[in-house]
Every structure is written in structure tokens, then in C-alpha cells.
Amino acid sequence: MPRVAYFFGISIYMYMDDHGVPHCHAVYGDYAGAFAIQSGELLSGQVPPQQVKKIKDFILANQSELMEKWDELSN
């Protein structure tokens, strides 16, 4: 499970055997959640609202790179 980014204490991961809609996983302390790459929305898990906003902003600003990584790991 490669960490693809780290900012403000938030780690962004992609799992090599994940299926479903393109998404990434965010970990912040004891919190974790899965976020859609297309919209940046929280799909599952629990993350404090301030960190949800930072994660969504990161995803939307880096969508094309995240999709490339998703495609690379999905194949």
C-alpha cells in the first residue's frame, strides 16, 4: 500500500488490490476514510471536518495524477 502523499499530518494511500470506484484512503491520527477521486467526497470512514476539506482540496487539485496512479495500480 504505497503512500502517495503526506500533508498537514494526513497520509494518502492507494491499495493495490482495491476495487470499485477510483478512490484513495486518508489517515489522520486515529481517523481513516476512503475518498472518491472524481469528487473528493468521503465514501466511508470517519475524518474530522477540517481534514475532510483539506483532503478534498488535495484530491481535486491532483485528480489527474491520482487517476494515473489508480490506473497503474489497478492493472
PDB file of N, CA and C in Angstrom:
ATOM      1  N   MET A   1       0.841  -1.171   0.000  1.00  0.00           N
ATOM      2  CA  MET A   1       0.000   0.000   0.000  1.00  0.00           C
ATOM      3  C   MET A   1       0.886   1.232   0.000  1.00  0.00           C
ATOM      4  N   PRO A   2       1.140   1.777  -1.163  1.00  0.00           N
ATOM      5  CA  PRO A   2       2.036   2.928  -1.236  1.00  0.00           C
ATOM      6  C   PRO A   2       1.384   4.215  -0.737  1.00  0.00           C
ATOM      7  N   ARG A   3       2.164   4.967   0.024  1.00  0.00           N
ATOM      8  CA  ARG A   3       1.695   6.298   0.424  1.00  0.00           C
ATOM      9  C   ARG A   3       2.015   7.215  -0.737  1.00  0.00           C
ATOM     10  N   VAL A   4       1.003   7.889  -1.243  1.00  0.00           N
ATOM     11  CA  VAL A   4       1.194   8.749  -2.409  1.00  0.00           C
ATOM     12  C   VAL A   4       1.326  10.225  -2.041  1.00  0.00           C
ATOM     13  N   ALA A   5       0.962  10.585  -0.793  1.00  0.00           N
ATOM     14  CA  ALA A   5       1.100  11.978  -0.372  1.00  0.00           C
ATOM     15  C   ALA A   5       1.058  12.064   1.148  1.00  0.00           C
ATOM     16  N   TYR A   6       1.627  13.166   1.659  1.00  0.00           N
ATOM     17  CA  TYR A   6       1.579  13.450   3.088  1.00  0.00           C
ATOM     18  C   TYR A   6       1.552  14.962   3.261  1.00  0.00           C
ATOM     19  N   PHE A   7       0.557  15.477   3.979  1.00  0.00           N
ATOM     20  CA  PHE A   7       0.435  16.912   4.221  1.00  0.00           C
ATOM     21  C   PHE A   7      -0.409  17.146   5.466  1.00  0.00           C
ATOM     22  N   PHE A   8      -0.063  18.145   6.250  1.00  0.00           N
ATOM     23  CA  PHE A   8      -0.805  18.509   7.462  1.00  0.00           C
ATOM     24  C   PHE A   8      -1.098  17.311   8.364  1.00  0.00           C
ATOM     25  N   GLY A   9      -0.187  16.351   8.432  1.00  0.00           N
ATOM     26  CA  GLY A   9      -0.405  15.170   9.265  1.00  0.00           C
ATOM     27  C   GLY A   9      -1.329  14.138   8.654  1.00  0.00           C
ATOM     28  N   ILE A  10      -1.693  14.323   7.390  1.00  0.00           N
ATOM     29  CA  ILE A  10      -2.599  13.424   6.675  1.00  0.00           C
ATOM     30  C   ILE A  10      -1.790  12.600   5.684  1.00  0.00           C
ATOM     31  N   SER A  11      -1.956  11.278   5.736  1.00  0.00           N
ATOM     32  CA  SER A  11      -1.322  10.388   4.757  1.00  0.00           C
ATOM     33  C   SER A  11      -2.371   9.922   3.770  1.00  0.00           C
ATOM     34  N   ILE A  12      -2.024   9.943   2.488  1.00  0.00           N
ATOM     35  CA  ILE A  12      -2.911   9.460   1.423  1.00  0.00           C
ATOM     36  C   ILE A  12      -2.309   8.182   0.868  1.00  0.00           C
ATOM     37  N   TYR A  13      -3.115   7.121   0.850  1.00  0.00           N
ATOM     38  CA  TYR A  13      -2.669   5.810   0.384  1.00  0.00           C
ATOM     39  C   TYR A  13      -3.556   5.315  -0.749  1.00  0.00           C
ATOM     40  N   MET A  14      -2.996   4.420  -1.553  1.00  0.00           N
ATOM     41  CA  MET A  14      -3.765   3.646  -2.520  1.00  0.00           C
ATOM     42  C   MET A  14      -3.379   2.194  -2.320  1.00  0.00           C
ATOM     43  N   TYR A  15      -4.384   1.351  -2.246  1.00  0.00           N
ATOM     44  CA  TYR A  15      -4.156  -0.078  -2.062  1.00  0.00           C
ATOM     45  C   TYR A  15      -4.135  -0.758  -3.420  1.00  0.00           C
ATOM     46  N   MET A  16      -3.206  -1.680  -3.602  1.00  0.00           N
ATOM     47  CA  MET A  16      -3.027  -2.322  -4.893  1.00  0.00           C
ATOM     48  C   MET A  16      -4.162  -3.273  -5.255  1.00  0.00           C
ATOM     49  N   ASP A  17      -4.899  -3.795  -4.278  1.00  0.00           N
ATOM     50  CA  ASP A  17      -5.954  -4.757  -4.603  1.00  0.00           C
ATOM     51  C   ASP A  17      -7.355  -4.189  -4.401  1.00  0.00           C
ATOM     52  N   ASP A  18      -7.491  -2.853  -4.377  1.00  0.00           N
ATOM     53  CA  ASP A  18      -8.795  -2.229  -4.218  1.00  0.00           C
ATOM     54  C   ASP A  18      -9.607  -2.326  -5.505  1.00  0.00           C
ATOM     55  N   HIS A  19     -10.908  -2.387  -5.330  1.00  0.00           N
ATOM     56  CA  HIS A  19     -11.836  -2.433  -6.464  1.00  0.00           C
ATOM     57  C   HIS A  19     -12.885  -1.357  -6.250  1.00  0.00           C
ATOM     58  N   GLY A  20     -13.776  -1.223  -7.202  1.00  0.00           N
ATOM     59  CA  GLY A  20     -14.845  -0.238  -7.079  1.00  0.00           C
ATOM     60  C   GLY A  20     -14.470   1.065  -7.748  1.00  0.00           C
ATOM     61  N   VAL A  21     -15.158   2.130  -7.346  1.00  0.00           N
ATOM     62  CA  VAL A  21     -14.892   3.434  -7.949  1.00  0.00           C
ATOM     63  C   VAL A  21     -13.471   3.872  -7.598  1.00  0.00           C
ATOM     64  N   PRO A  22     -12.842   4.636  -8.467  1.00  0.00           N
ATOM     65  CA  PRO A  22     -11.500   5.141  -8.154  1.00  0.00           C
ATOM     66  C   PRO A  22     -11.533   5.948  -6.859  1.00  0.00           C
ATOM     67  N   HIS A  23     -10.669   5.574  -5.919  1.00  0.00           N
ATOM     68  CA  HIS A  23     -10.649   6.235  -4.623  1.00  0.00           C
ATOM     69  C   HIS A  23      -9.277   6.100  -3.988  1.00  0.00           C
ATOM     70  N   CYS A  24      -9.075   6.874  -2.940  1.00  0.00           N
ATOM     71  CA  CYS A  24      -7.854   6.772  -2.158  1.00  0.00           C
ATOM     72  C   CYS A  24      -8.256   6.751  -0.689  1.00  0.00           C
ATOM     73  N   HIS A  25      -7.316   6.374   0.140  1.00  0.00           N
ATOM     74  CA  HIS A  25      -7.557   6.275   1.578  1.00  0.00           C
ATOM     75  C   HIS A  25      -6.739   7.344   2.281  1.00  0.00           C
ATOM     76  N   ALA A  26      -7.357   8.008   3.241  1.00  0.00           N
ATOM     77  CA  ALA A  26      -6.671   9.032   4.020  1.00  0.00           C
ATOM     78  C   ALA A  26      -6.623   8.603   5.480  1.00  0.00           C
ATOM     79  N   VAL A  27      -5.476   8.824   6.106  1.00  0.00           N
ATOM     80  CA  VAL A  27      -5.305   8.507   7.522  1.00  0.00           C
ATOM     81  C   VAL A  27      -4.809   9.771   8.212  1.00  0.00           C
ATOM     82  N   TYR A  28      -5.495  10.125   9.288  1.00  0.00           N
ATOM     83  CA  TYR A  28      -5.127  11.283  10.089  1.00  0.00           C
ATOM     84  C   TYR A  28      -5.242  10.867  11.552  1.00  0.00           C
ATOM     85  N   GLY A  29      -4.119  10.616  12.191  1.00  0.00           N
ATOM     86  CA  GLY A  29      -4.144  10.138  13.577  1.00  0.00           C
ATOM     87  C   GLY A  29      -4.903   8.829  13.678  1.00  0.00           C
ATOM     88  N   ASP A  30      -5.935   8.808  14.515  1.00  0.00           N
ATOM     89  CA  ASP A  30      -6.765   7.613  14.693  1.00  0.00           C
ATOM     90  C   ASP A  30      -7.926   7.554  13.711  1.00  0.00           C
ATOM     91  N   TYR A  31      -8.017   8.516  12.799  1.00  0.00           N
ATOM     92  CA  TYR A  31      -9.120   8.583  11.842  1.00  0.00           C
ATOM     93  C   TYR A  31      -8.679   8.049  10.483  1.00  0.00           C
ATOM     94  N   ALA A  32      -9.637   7.481   9.758  1.00  0.00           N
ATOM     95  CA  ALA A  32      -9.353   6.984   8.410  1.00  0.00           C
ATOM     96  C   ALA A  32     -10.626   7.041   7.585  1.00  0.00           C
ATOM     97  N   GLY A  33     -10.463   7.246   6.282  1.00  0.00           N
ATOM     98  CA  GLY A  33     -11.605   7.270   5.393  1.00  0.00           C
ATOM     99  C   GLY A  33     -11.190   7.023   3.960  1.00  0.00           C
ATOM    100  N   ALA A  34     -12.166   6.623   3.155  1.00  0.00           N
ATOM    101  CA  ALA A  34     -11.957   6.445   1.719  1.00  0.00           C
ATOM    102  C   ALA A  34     -12.637   7.615   1.006  1.00  0.00           C
ATOM    103  N   PHE A  35     -11.936   8.179   0.016  1.00  0.00           N
ATOM    104  CA  PHE A  35     -12.425   9.354  -0.699  1.00  0.00           C
ATOM    105  C   PHE A  35     -12.450   9.094  -2.200  1.00  0.00           C
ATOM    106  N   ALA A  36     -13.534   9.485  -2.853  1.00  0.00           N
ATOM    107  CA  ALA A  36     -13.658   9.343  -4.307  1.00  0.00           C
ATOM    108  C   ALA A  36     -12.702  10.305  -5.003  1.00  0.00           C
ATOM    109  N   ILE A  37     -11.995   9.819  -6.001  1.00  0.00           N
ATOM    110  CA  ILE A  37     -11.061  10.672  -6.742  1.00  0.00           C
ATOM    111  C   ILE A  37     -11.825  11.648  -7.636  1.00  0.00           C
ATOM    112  N   GLN A  38     -12.945  11.232  -8.196  1.00  0.00           N
ATOM    113  CA  GLN A  38     -13.696  12.104  -9.108  1.00  0.00           C
ATOM    114  C   GLN A  38     -14.300  13.323  -8.422  1.00  0.00           C
ATOM    115  N   SER A  39     -14.767  13.155  -7.178  1.00  0.00           N
ATOM    116  CA  SER A  39     -15.464  14.247  -6.495  1.00  0.00           C
ATOM    117  C   SER A  39     -14.773  14.739  -5.226  1.00  0.00           C
ATOM    118  N   GLY A  40     -13.870  13.917  -4.675  1.00  0.00           N
ATOM    119  CA  GLY A  40     -13.237  14.252  -3.412  1.00  0.00           C
ATOM    120  C   GLY A  40     -14.108  13.974  -2.203  1.00  0.00           C
ATOM    121  N   GLU A  41     -15.293  13.401  -2.422  1.00  0.00           N
ATOM    122  CA  GLU A  41     -16.230  13.149  -1.333  1.00  0.00           C
ATOM    123  C   GLU A  41     -15.801  11.956  -0.483  1.00  0.00           C
ATOM    124  N   LEU A  42     -16.097  12.039   0.808  1.00  0.00           N
ATOM    125  CA  LEU A  42     -15.847  10.946   1.741  1.00  0.00           C
ATOM    126  C   LEU A  42     -16.831   9.819   1.452  1.00  0.00           C
ATOM    127  N   LEU A  43     -16.318   8.630   1.119  1.00  0.00           N
ATOM    128  CA  LEU A  43     -17.160   7.471   0.805  1.00  0.00           C
ATOM    129  C   LEU A  43     -17.456   6.634   2.034  1.00  0.00           C
ATOM    130  N   SER A  44     -16.470   6.486   2.894  1.00  0.00           N
ATOM    131  CA  SER A  44     -16.641   5.685   4.106  1.00  0.00           C
ATOM    132  C   SER A  44     -15.599   6.096   5.125  1.00  0.00           C
ATOM    133  N   GLY A  45     -15.863   5.763   6.373  1.00  0.00           N
ATOM    134  CA  GLY A  45     -14.931   6.076   7.440  1.00  0.00           C
ATOM    135  C   GLY A  45     -15.298   7.360   8.160  1.00  0.00           C
ATOM    136  N   GLN A  46     -14.417   7.756   9.058  1.00  0.00           N
ATOM    137  CA  GLN A  46     -14.630   8.974   9.839  1.00  0.00           C
ATOM    138  C   GLN A  46     -13.352   9.797   9.853  1.00  0.00           C
ATOM    139  N   VAL A  47     -13.497  11.068   9.470  1.00  0.00           N
ATOM    140  CA  VAL A  47     -12.390  12.017   9.452  1.00  0.00           C
ATOM    141  C   VAL A  47     -12.963  13.356   9.913  1.00  0.00           C
ATOM    142  N   PRO A  48     -12.240  14.097  10.765  1.00  0.00           N
ATOM    143  CA  PRO A  48     -12.738  15.397  11.219  1.00  0.00           C
ATOM    144  C   PRO A  48     -13.014  16.336  10.030  1.00  0.00           C
ATOM    145  N   PRO A  49     -14.035  17.185  10.159  1.00  0.00           N
ATOM    146  CA  PRO A  49     -14.437  18.066   9.045  1.00  0.00           C
ATOM    147  C   PRO A  49     -13.317  18.926   8.465  1.00  0.00           C
ATOM    148  N   GLN A  50     -12.442  19.477   9.297  1.00  0.00           N
ATOM    149  CA  GLN A  50     -11.345  20.310   8.771  1.00  0.00           C
ATOM    150  C   GLN A  50     -10.419  19.506   7.878  1.00  0.00           C
ATOM    151  N   GLN A  51     -10.144  18.263   8.265  1.00  0.00           N
ATOM    152  CA  GLN A  51      -9.267  17.416   7.459  1.00  0.00           C
ATOM    153  C   GLN A  51      -9.985  16.932   6.201  1.00  0.00           C
ATOM    154  N   VAL A  52     -11.294  16.695   6.288  1.00  0.00           N
ATOM    155  CA  VAL A  52     -12.064  16.315   5.091  1.00  0.00           C
ATOM    156  C   VAL A  52     -11.903  17.397   4.034  1.00  0.00           C
ATOM    157  N   LYS A  53     -12.010  18.662   4.428  1.00  0.00           N
ATOM    158  CA  LYS A  53     -11.862  19.756   3.465  1.00  0.00           C
ATOM    159  C   LYS A  53     -10.462  19.771   2.853  1.00  0.00           C
ATOM    160  N   LYS A  54      -9.438  19.604   3.670  1.00  0.00           N
ATOM    161  CA  LYS A  54      -8.063  19.594   3.152  1.00  0.00           C
ATOM    162  C   LYS A  54      -7.843  18.426   2.196  1.00  0.00           C
ATOM    163  N   ILE A  55      -8.385  17.266   2.543  1.00  0.00           N
ATOM    164  CA  ILE A  55      -8.235  16.085   1.686  1.00  0.00           C
ATOM    165  C   ILE A  55      -8.966  16.295   0.371  1.00  0.00           C
ATOM    166  N   LYS A  56     -10.198  16.794   0.437  1.00  0.00           N
ATOM    167  CA  LYS A  56     -10.967  17.048  -0.787  1.00  0.00           C
ATOM    168  C   LYS A  56     -10.237  18.048  -1.683  1.00  0.00           C
ATOM    169  N   ASP A  57      -9.733  19.131  -1.082  1.00  0.00           N
ATOM    170  CA  ASP A  57      -8.987  20.128  -1.872  1.00  0.00           C
ATOM    171  C   ASP A  57      -7.765  19.492  -2.531  1.00  0.00           C
ATOM    172  N   PHE A  58      -7.037  18.643  -1.789  1.00  0.00           N
ATOM    173  CA  PHE A  58      -5.865  17.962  -2.346  1.00  0.00           C
ATOM    174  C   PHE A  58      -6.269  17.059  -3.515  1.00  0.00           C
ATOM    175  N   ILE A  59      -7.319  16.270  -3.315  1.00  0.00           N
ATOM    176  CA  ILE A  59      -7.758  15.343  -4.370  1.00  0.00           C
ATOM    177  C   ILE A  59      -8.146  16.105  -5.629  1.00  0.00           C
ATOM    178  N   LEU A  60      -8.944  17.155  -5.484  1.00  0.00           N
ATOM    179  CA  LEU A  60      -9.396  17.899  -6.658  1.00  0.00           C
ATOM    180  C   LEU A  60      -8.237  18.609  -7.364  1.00  0.00           C
ATOM    181  N   ALA A  61      -7.240  19.043  -6.608  1.00  0.00           N
ATOM    182  CA  ALA A  61      -6.075  19.720  -7.212  1.00  0.00           C
ATOM    183  C   ALA A  61      -5.126  18.733  -7.891  1.00  0.00           C
ATOM    184  N   ASN A  62      -5.216  17.455  -7.529  1.00  0.00           N
ATOM    185  CA  ASN A  62      -4.290  16.439  -8.053  1.00  0.00           C
ATOM    186  C   ASN A  62      -5.015  15.273  -8.710  1.00  0.00           C
ATOM    187  N   GLN A  63      -6.211  15.530  -9.218  1.00  0.00           N
ATOM    188  CA  GLN A  63      -7.054  14.470  -9.770  1.00  0.00           C
ATOM    189  C   GLN A  63      -6.375  13.660 -10.867  1.00  0.00           C
ATOM    190  N   SER A  64      -5.750  14.320 -11.810  1.00  0.00           N
ATOM    191  CA  SER A  64      -5.173  13.574 -12.938  1.00  0.00           C
ATOM    192  C   SER A  64      -4.035  12.664 -12.467  1.00  0.00           C
ATOM    193  N   GLU A  65      -3.202  13.143 -11.564  1.00  0.00           N
ATOM    194  CA  GLU A  65      -2.104  12.314 -11.055  1.00  0.00           C
ATOM    195  C   GLU A  65      -2.645  11.128 -10.240  1.00  0.00           C
ATOM    196  N   LEU A  66      -3.680  11.383  -9.450  1.00  0.00           N
ATOM    197  CA  LEU A  66      -4.276  10.299  -8.665  1.00  0.00           C
ATOM    198  C   LEU A  66      -4.926   9.256  -9.565  1.00  0.00           C
ATOM    199  N   MET A  67      -5.568   9.688 -10.648  1.00  0.00           N
ATOM    200  CA  MET A  67      -6.178   8.739 -11.582  1.00  0.00           C
ATOM    201  C   MET A  67      -5.100   7.917 -12.293  1.00  0.00           C
ATOM    202  N   GLU A  68      -3.983   8.546 -12.637  1.00  0.00           N
ATOM    203  CA  GLU A  68      -2.880   7.805 -13.255  1.00  0.00           C
ATOM    204  C   GLU A  68      -2.371   6.733 -12.306  1.00  0.00           C
ATOM    205  N   LYS A  69      -2.208   7.079 -11.033  1.00  0.00           N
ATOM    206  CA  LYS A  69      -1.744   6.122 -10.033  1.00  0.00           C
ATOM    207  C   LYS A  69      -2.770   5.010  -9.846  1.00  0.00           C
ATOM    208  N   TRP A  70      -4.059   5.355  -9.824  1.00  0.00           N
ATOM    209  CA  TRP A  70      -5.135   4.370  -9.692  1.00  0.00           C
ATOM    210  C   TRP A  70      -5.055   3.367 -10.855  1.00  0.00           C
ATOM    211  N   ASP A  71      -4.949   3.893 -12.087  1.00  0.00           N
ATOM    212  CA  ASP A  71      -4.867   3.035 -13.271  1.00  0.00           C
ATOM    213  C   ASP A  71      -3.628   2.137 -13.216  1.00  0.00           C
ATOM    214  N   GLU A  72      -2.510   2.702 -12.795  1.00  0.00           N
ATOM    215  CA  GLU A  72      -1.267   1.929 -12.693  1.00  0.00           C
ATOM    216  C   GLU A  72      -1.410   0.779 -11.697  1.00  0.00           C
ATOM    217  N   LEU A  73      -1.992   1.040 -10.544  1.00  0.00           N
ATOM    218  CA  LEU A  73      -2.127   0.011  -9.514  1.00  0.00           C
ATOM    219  C   LEU A  73      -3.244  -0.977  -9.804  1.00  0.00           C
ATOM    220  N   SER A  74      -4.229  -0.570 -10.607  1.00  0.00           N
ATOM    221  CA  SER A  74      -5.347  -1.451 -10.934  1.00  0.00           C
ATOM    222  C   SER A  74      -4.983  -2.491 -11.987  1.00  0.00           C
ATOM    223  N   ASN A  75      -3.956  -2.218 -12.768  1.00  0.00           N
ATOM    224  CA  ASN A  75      -3.573  -3.136 -13.858  1.00  0.00           C
ATOM    225  C   ASN A  75      -2.611  -4.198 -13.406  1.00  0.00           C
TER     226      ASN A  75
END
